[in-house]
Amino acid sequence: MACKELGISIRTRQRWLRDASARTVNEDGRKNAVREKPAGALSEEERRRILEVANSPEYASRPPAQIVADLADKGEWLASESTIYRVLREKGHQHHRGRAKNPVRRPPASHSATAPNQVWTWDITFLKTPVRGIYYYLYMIVDIYSRCIVGWEVYEEETGECARELITRAYIRQALWRKDRPLVLHSDNGSPMKASTFRATLERLGITDSYSRPRTSDDNAYSEALFRTLKYRPEYPAFGFENLEAAREWTHQFVQWYNEIHRHSALRYVTPGQRHRGESAAILAARKVVFEEAKRKHPERWKGRSARNLDEAEVVWLNPEKDGRALETLTQEKRQVG
């Protein structure tokens, strides 16, 4: 009853008794206790003086460290740098001083696709060789709507000229000149992506370029997830590729598997190739008939639930969560590998 009256628990009283020798006489240890200010605490007059000096025209654009140093040269001590920071923060006056402004974080590039060949993303990854420090470079383009790999090349160097060859071949292979809607090509900020020869090629082909924010790999999630799938394949050479031809042969086999055999979880387990060619709707409709028939035969096993959701996403977004504009998307791409 005494503990309840004091607003403490029995365990707190037991701890106080155990540590009684270390406690100050008559010290109130309760959280809501009114305590005296420390002997060295600033007075209200001193606080007002700090605000007055820090916000004066002479020091308004200078940080506390410079204020303290300048006042010391004039033979005056106001307070330490940490104290000035604390007083400014308590009064809501802690901000960037001078012409420096808070960095403005622009939202990531966000694009939507309602059909194949509307939005592509691409990137470059290293392929190891048996020699440390020597790599081959895998250039790969993926369509975000179908998750289909629409272009890839393996080179010995990382240049804008190689990137130009990649996009030109993919453009011809997909016959993009027949499309009414211009293609959006998204990438990170690597030097081949920003090379003048590559950007000139995009302009000539009528392709709209799009770039991730600096040092933000999440903005290019489709390509990053694809590279993770590639390098975690059981047959991926753990000790590197012996030569360029071996790297190209292995990548060719991977692309064939990924596009035509791999059942992608974000596509209701149809292959990217089927989705890219427009075959997935008929496949999922036939699959739904099988599930509905199984439910009709054994309704007790479904317990009133629907057979299975096999509806395809009509709109696929690049970076949908970050700008809030996506109404329907396959967002699991960033959380798990397809």
Protein backbone atom coordinates (compact mmCIF):
# COMPACT_ATOMS: atom_id res chain seq x y z
CA MET A 1 0.00 0.00 0.00
CA ALA A 2 2.90 2.37 0.74
CA CYS A 3 4.42 1.67 -2.70
CA LYS A 4 1.08 2.38 -4.38
CA GLU A 5 0.79 5.67 -2.52
CA LEU A 6 4.31 6.67 -3.60
CA GLY A 7 3.68 5.66 -7.22
CA ILE A 8 6.39 3.00 -7.38
CA SER A 9 6.42 -0.78 -7.72
CA ILE A 10 7.54 -3.28 -5.11
CA ARG A 11 10.51 -4.21 -7.32
CA THR A 12 11.59 -0.56 -7.37
CA ARG A 13 11.50 -0.44 -3.54
CA GLN A 14 13.56 -3.62 -3.37
CA ARG A 15 16.14 -2.18 -5.75
CA TRP A 16 16.36 1.05 -3.74
CA LEU A 17 16.99 -0.92 -0.54
CA ARG A 18 19.67 -2.98 -2.25
CA ASP A 19 21.46 0.10 -3.62
CA ALA A 20 20.85 2.33 -0.59
CA SER A 21 24.55 2.92 0.04
CA ALA A 22 25.03 4.48 -3.40
CA ARG A 23 22.07 6.83 -3.19
CA THR A 24 22.23 10.42 -2.00
CA VAL A 25 20.46 11.15 1.28
CA ASN A 26 16.92 12.44 0.77
CA GLU A 27 17.18 11.90 -3.01
CA ASP A 28 13.80 11.28 -4.66
CA GLY A 29 14.32 8.54 -7.24
CA ARG A 30 10.88 8.60 -8.79
CA LYS A 31 10.64 9.45 -12.49
CA ASN A 32 8.17 12.29 -11.97
CA ALA A 33 10.03 13.82 -9.02
CA VAL A 34 10.76 17.55 -9.02
CA ARG A 35 14.52 17.94 -8.81
CA GLU A 36 16.66 20.95 -8.18
CA LYS A 37 18.66 22.36 -11.07
CA PRO A 38 22.36 21.45 -11.12
CA ALA A 39 24.69 24.00 -9.63
CA GLY A 40 26.16 24.86 -13.04
CA ALA A 41 22.82 25.20 -14.89
CA LEU A 42 22.31 28.26 -17.08
CA SER A 43 20.11 31.02 -15.80
CA GLU A 44 17.27 32.40 -17.90
CA GLU A 45 19.29 35.54 -18.47
CA GLU A 46 22.21 33.51 -19.79
CA ARG A 47 19.90 31.58 -22.12
CA ARG A 48 18.46 34.79 -23.51
CA ARG A 49 21.98 36.09 -24.04
CA ILE A 50 22.94 32.97 -26.01
CA LEU A 51 19.91 33.34 -28.28
CA GLU A 52 20.54 37.04 -28.71
CA VAL A 53 24.17 36.56 -29.73
CA ALA A 54 23.61 33.46 -31.91
CA ASN A 55 20.82 35.19 -33.85
CA SER A 56 22.53 38.54 -34.18
CA PRO A 57 23.45 39.73 -37.70
CA GLU A 58 27.14 39.08 -36.97
CA TYR A 59 26.69 35.42 -36.00
CA ALA A 60 23.38 34.38 -37.61
CA SER A 61 25.18 32.62 -40.47
CA ARG A 62 27.92 31.02 -38.36
CA PRO A 63 27.96 27.71 -36.46
CA PRO A 64 28.44 27.63 -32.66
CA ALA A 65 32.08 26.49 -32.97
CA GLN A 66 32.96 29.70 -34.84
CA ILE A 67 30.88 31.79 -32.46
CA VAL A 68 32.75 30.46 -29.43
CA ALA A 69 36.14 30.98 -31.08
CA ASP A 70 35.33 34.53 -32.21
CA LEU A 71 33.99 35.55 -28.78
CA ALA A 72 37.08 34.07 -27.12
CA ASP A 73 39.29 36.21 -29.33
CA LYS A 74 37.33 39.20 -28.04
CA GLY A 75 37.87 38.09 -24.44
CA GLU A 76 34.30 36.89 -23.84
CA TRP A 77 33.03 33.44 -22.79
CA LEU A 78 29.38 32.80 -23.49
CA ALA A 79 28.98 29.01 -23.30
CA SER A 80 30.40 25.85 -24.83
CA GLU A 81 29.53 24.75 -28.34
CA SER A 82 27.34 21.88 -27.07
CA THR A 83 25.47 24.23 -24.74
CA ILE A 84 24.77 26.69 -27.56
CA TYR A 85 23.54 23.85 -29.73
CA ARG A 86 21.28 22.62 -26.93
CA VAL A 87 19.76 26.07 -26.26
CA LEU A 88 19.16 26.68 -29.97
CA ARG A 89 17.56 23.24 -30.35
CA GLU A 90 15.27 23.74 -27.34
CA LYS A 91 14.00 27.03 -28.75
CA GLY A 92 13.59 25.68 -32.29
CA HIS A 93 16.42 27.82 -33.69
CA GLN A 94 18.72 24.94 -34.70
CA HIS A 95 18.96 25.00 -38.49
CA HIS A 96 21.41 25.31 -41.36
CA ARG A 97 23.14 28.67 -41.18
CA GLY A 98 24.31 30.80 -44.06
CA ARG A 99 23.36 29.96 -47.63
CA ALA A 100 23.46 26.22 -47.00
CA LYS A 101 20.01 24.70 -47.10
CA ASN A 102 18.61 21.39 -46.00
CA PRO A 103 19.19 18.88 -48.79
CA VAL A 104 16.08 18.44 -50.90
CA ARG A 105 15.48 14.74 -51.49
CA ARG A 106 13.80 14.37 -54.81
CA PRO A 107 11.45 11.42 -55.23
CA PRO A 108 12.70 8.50 -57.35
CA ALA A 109 11.81 8.20 -60.99
CA SER A 110 8.47 6.40 -61.19
CA HIS A 111 7.05 4.87 -64.38
CA SER A 112 4.18 2.51 -65.13
CA ALA A 113 3.77 -0.18 -67.75
CA THR A 114 0.51 -1.68 -68.99
CA ALA A 115 2.05 -3.87 -71.71
CA PRO A 116 5.45 -5.26 -72.73
CA ASN A 117 8.11 -2.95 -74.18
CA GLN A 118 6.94 0.18 -72.39
CA VAL A 119 9.44 0.34 -69.51
CA TRP A 120 12.80 -1.40 -69.43
CA THR A 121 15.48 -1.32 -66.76
CA TRP A 122 19.09 -2.29 -67.28
CA ASP A 123 22.35 -2.57 -65.39
CA ILE A 124 25.85 -4.03 -65.53
CA THR A 125 27.30 -6.63 -63.16
CA PHE A 126 30.69 -8.24 -62.73
CA LEU A 127 31.36 -11.84 -63.74
CA LYS A 128 34.39 -13.26 -61.96
CA THR A 129 37.33 -14.94 -63.66
CA PRO A 130 39.93 -17.25 -62.07
CA VAL A 131 42.32 -14.26 -61.97
CA ARG A 132 41.70 -11.91 -59.07
CA GLY A 133 40.94 -8.36 -60.19
CA ILE A 134 39.94 -9.33 -63.75
CA TYR A 135 36.25 -9.47 -64.61
CA TYR A 136 33.86 -9.77 -67.50
CA TYR A 137 30.92 -7.38 -67.64
CA LEU A 138 27.36 -8.59 -68.10
CA TYR A 139 24.98 -6.02 -69.60
CA MET A 140 21.33 -7.02 -69.17
CA ILE A 141 17.95 -5.41 -69.93
CA VAL A 142 14.68 -6.57 -68.34
CA ASP A 143 11.12 -5.58 -69.17
CA ILE A 144 9.34 -4.65 -65.91
CA TYR A 145 5.87 -5.64 -67.17
CA SER A 146 6.77 -9.19 -68.21
CA ARG A 147 10.08 -9.61 -66.29
CA CYS A 148 11.44 -10.91 -69.57
CA ILE A 149 15.12 -10.45 -70.40
CA VAL A 150 14.96 -8.57 -73.70
CA GLY A 151 18.66 -7.94 -74.21
CA TRP A 152 22.04 -9.04 -72.86
CA GLU A 153 25.69 -9.01 -73.79
CA VAL A 154 28.95 -9.98 -72.08
CA TYR A 155 31.97 -7.77 -72.77
CA GLU A 156 35.52 -7.44 -71.52
CA GLU A 157 35.08 -3.75 -70.80
CA GLU A 158 32.51 -1.34 -69.39
CA THR A 159 31.97 1.48 -71.90
CA GLY A 160 29.30 3.58 -73.53
CA GLU A 161 30.05 1.99 -76.90
CA CYS A 162 29.19 -1.48 -75.55
CA ALA A 163 25.99 -0.09 -74.05
CA ARG A 164 25.12 1.44 -77.42
CA GLU A 165 25.46 -1.95 -79.12
CA LEU A 166 23.30 -3.57 -76.45
CA ILE A 167 20.35 -1.17 -76.74
CA THR A 168 20.52 -1.09 -80.54
CA ARG A 169 20.27 -4.88 -80.81
CA ALA A 170 17.46 -5.04 -78.25
CA TYR A 171 15.58 -2.26 -80.09
CA ILE A 172 15.78 -4.16 -83.38
CA ARG A 173 14.98 -7.55 -81.82
CA GLN A 174 11.81 -6.21 -80.18
CA ALA A 175 10.82 -4.12 -83.26
CA LEU A 176 10.23 -1.05 -81.14
CA TRP A 177 9.80 1.24 -84.15
CA ARG A 178 6.29 -0.23 -84.48
CA LYS A 179 5.25 0.90 -80.98
CA ASP A 180 3.05 3.96 -80.54
CA ARG A 181 4.20 4.61 -76.97
CA PRO A 182 7.88 5.59 -76.58
CA LEU A 183 10.03 3.26 -74.50
CA VAL A 184 11.36 4.36 -71.11
CA LEU A 185 14.81 2.96 -70.28
CA HIS A 186 15.75 3.19 -66.60
CA SER A 187 19.22 2.65 -65.14
CA ASP A 188 21.55 3.79 -62.41
CA ASN A 189 24.16 6.55 -62.79
CA GLY A 190 27.14 4.52 -64.02
CA SER A 191 29.51 6.01 -66.55
CA PRO A 192 28.30 3.80 -69.47
CA MET A 193 24.71 4.89 -68.74
CA LYS A 194 25.68 8.58 -68.85
CA ALA A 195 28.12 8.30 -71.77
CA SER A 196 27.43 10.80 -74.56
CA THR A 197 27.54 8.10 -77.28
CA PHE A 198 24.92 6.04 -75.44
CA ARG A 199 22.61 8.97 -74.72
CA ALA A 200 22.87 10.11 -78.33
CA THR A 201 21.78 6.63 -79.41
CA LEU A 202 18.75 6.78 -77.11
CA GLU A 203 17.75 10.11 -78.58
CA ARG A 204 18.15 8.81 -82.12
CA LEU A 205 15.99 5.75 -81.35
CA GLY A 206 13.31 7.83 -79.58
CA ILE A 207 13.91 6.20 -76.19
CA THR A 208 13.30 8.22 -73.02
CA ASP A 209 16.11 7.86 -70.51
CA SER A 210 15.49 7.64 -66.77
CA TYR A 211 18.00 7.42 -63.92
CA SER A 212 18.10 6.36 -60.29
CA ARG A 213 19.01 8.75 -57.54
CA PRO A 214 22.73 8.79 -56.72
CA ARG A 215 23.87 5.94 -54.46
CA THR A 216 20.34 4.47 -54.29
CA SER A 217 20.25 0.94 -55.69
CA ASP A 218 16.62 0.45 -54.61
CA ASP A 219 15.52 2.69 -57.47
CA ASN A 220 16.55 -0.02 -59.93
CA ALA A 221 15.08 -2.98 -58.08
CA TYR A 222 14.10 -5.11 -61.07
CA SER A 223 17.64 -5.34 -62.42
CA GLU A 224 19.14 -5.83 -58.96
CA ALA A 225 16.73 -8.70 -58.22
CA LEU A 226 17.50 -10.29 -61.59
CA PHE A 227 21.25 -10.24 -60.94
CA ARG A 228 20.70 -11.85 -57.55
CA THR A 229 18.69 -14.64 -59.19
CA LEU A 230 21.47 -15.11 -61.74
CA LYS A 231 24.33 -15.34 -59.24
CA TYR A 232 22.47 -17.65 -56.86
CA ARG A 233 21.79 -20.30 -59.49
CA PRO A 234 23.28 -23.66 -58.39
CA GLU A 235 25.27 -23.97 -61.61
CA TYR A 236 26.80 -20.48 -61.38
CA PRO A 237 30.62 -20.96 -61.54
CA ALA A 238 31.89 -20.39 -58.02
CA PHE A 239 35.48 -19.84 -59.19
CA GLY A 240 34.72 -17.68 -62.18
CA PHE A 241 34.54 -18.13 -65.95
CA GLU A 242 37.58 -19.47 -67.77
CA ASN A 243 37.16 -17.20 -70.80
CA LEU A 244 34.76 -14.82 -72.50
CA GLU A 245 33.11 -17.53 -74.57
CA ALA A 246 32.37 -19.58 -71.44
CA ALA A 247 30.75 -16.54 -69.82
CA ARG A 248 28.60 -15.90 -72.87
CA GLU A 249 27.57 -19.56 -73.19
CA TRP A 250 26.54 -19.77 -69.53
CA THR A 251 24.59 -16.50 -69.72
CA HIS A 252 22.80 -17.70 -72.87
CA GLN A 253 21.65 -20.84 -71.04
CA PHE A 254 20.54 -18.80 -68.03
CA VAL A 255 18.47 -16.43 -70.19
CA GLN A 256 16.78 -19.38 -71.89
CA TRP A 257 15.95 -20.90 -68.50
CA TYR A 258 14.76 -17.63 -66.99
CA ASN A 259 12.55 -16.57 -69.91
CA GLU A 260 11.07 -19.93 -70.92
CA ILE A 261 11.30 -22.36 -67.97
CA HIS A 262 11.36 -20.34 -64.77
CA ARG A 263 7.87 -19.81 -63.34
CA HIS A 264 8.00 -16.35 -61.86
CA SER A 265 6.26 -15.89 -58.48
CA ALA A 266 5.35 -12.27 -59.30
CA LEU A 267 3.62 -13.42 -62.51
CA ARG A 268 1.30 -16.00 -60.88
CA TYR A 269 3.87 -18.63 -61.82
CA VAL A 270 3.86 -18.27 -65.56
CA THR A 271 7.17 -17.74 -67.35
CA PRO A 272 8.36 -14.26 -68.34
CA GLY A 273 8.37 -15.33 -71.98
CA GLN A 274 4.69 -16.33 -71.80
CA ARG A 275 3.79 -13.01 -70.22
CA HIS A 276 5.87 -11.09 -72.78
CA ARG A 277 4.20 -12.80 -75.73
CA GLY A 278 0.70 -12.35 -74.31
CA GLU A 279 0.11 -16.06 -73.64
CA SER A 280 -0.23 -15.80 -69.86
CA ALA A 281 -3.91 -14.76 -69.79
CA ALA A 282 -5.06 -17.95 -71.54
CA ILE A 283 -2.76 -20.12 -69.41
CA LEU A 284 -4.05 -18.64 -66.16
CA ALA A 285 -7.66 -18.91 -67.30
CA ALA A 286 -7.19 -22.62 -68.02
CA ARG A 287 -5.40 -23.08 -64.69
CA LYS A 288 -8.31 -21.40 -62.90
CA VAL A 289 -10.74 -23.91 -64.42
CA VAL A 290 -8.65 -26.74 -62.94
CA PHE A 291 -8.67 -25.15 -59.49
CA GLU A 292 -12.41 -24.44 -59.60
CA GLU A 293 -13.11 -28.04 -60.61
CA ALA A 294 -10.99 -29.30 -57.71
CA LYS A 295 -12.91 -27.04 -55.34
CA ARG A 296 -16.24 -28.29 -56.71
CA LYS A 297 -15.24 -31.88 -56.00
CA HIS A 298 -13.98 -31.20 -52.47
CA PRO A 299 -15.50 -27.92 -51.20
CA GLU A 300 -14.75 -28.87 -47.59
CA ARG A 301 -11.04 -28.50 -48.24
CA TRP A 302 -11.40 -24.83 -49.16
CA LYS A 303 -13.58 -23.93 -46.15
CA GLY A 304 -15.44 -21.21 -48.01
CA ARG A 305 -12.34 -19.58 -49.48
CA SER A 306 -11.97 -18.83 -53.17
CA ALA A 307 -9.95 -21.31 -55.18
CA ARG A 308 -6.98 -19.03 -55.91
CA ASN A 309 -6.36 -15.52 -57.13
CA LEU A 310 -4.95 -15.80 -60.63
CA ASP A 311 -5.63 -12.23 -61.80
CA GLU A 312 -2.67 -10.61 -63.49
CA ALA A 313 -1.54 -7.12 -62.58
CA GLU A 314 -2.78 -4.77 -65.25
CA VAL A 315 -0.35 -2.02 -64.27
CA VAL A 316 3.22 -2.58 -63.13
CA TRP A 317 5.10 0.29 -61.54
CA LEU A 318 8.74 1.15 -61.17
CA ASN A 319 9.21 2.47 -57.59
CA PRO A 320 5.47 2.50 -56.77
CA GLU A 321 5.54 2.66 -52.96
CA LYS A 322 7.70 5.76 -52.85
CA ASP A 323 5.33 8.17 -54.58
CA GLY A 324 1.99 6.58 -53.66
CA ARG A 325 0.59 6.59 -57.19
CA ALA A 326 0.40 2.86 -57.78
CA LEU A 327 -3.04 1.35 -57.43
CA GLU A 328 -2.20 -2.16 -58.57
CA THR A 329 1.31 -3.56 -58.78
CA LEU A 330 3.46 -6.56 -58.07
CA THR A 331 5.40 -5.11 -55.16
CA GLN A 332 6.95 -8.36 -53.98
CA GLU A 333 9.71 -7.88 -56.58
CA LYS A 334 11.72 -5.85 -54.10
CA ARG A 335 11.21 -8.25 -51.22
CA GLN A 336 11.90 -11.58 -52.81
CA VAL A 337 13.56 -12.97 -55.83
CA GLY A 338 11.17 -14.10 -58.53
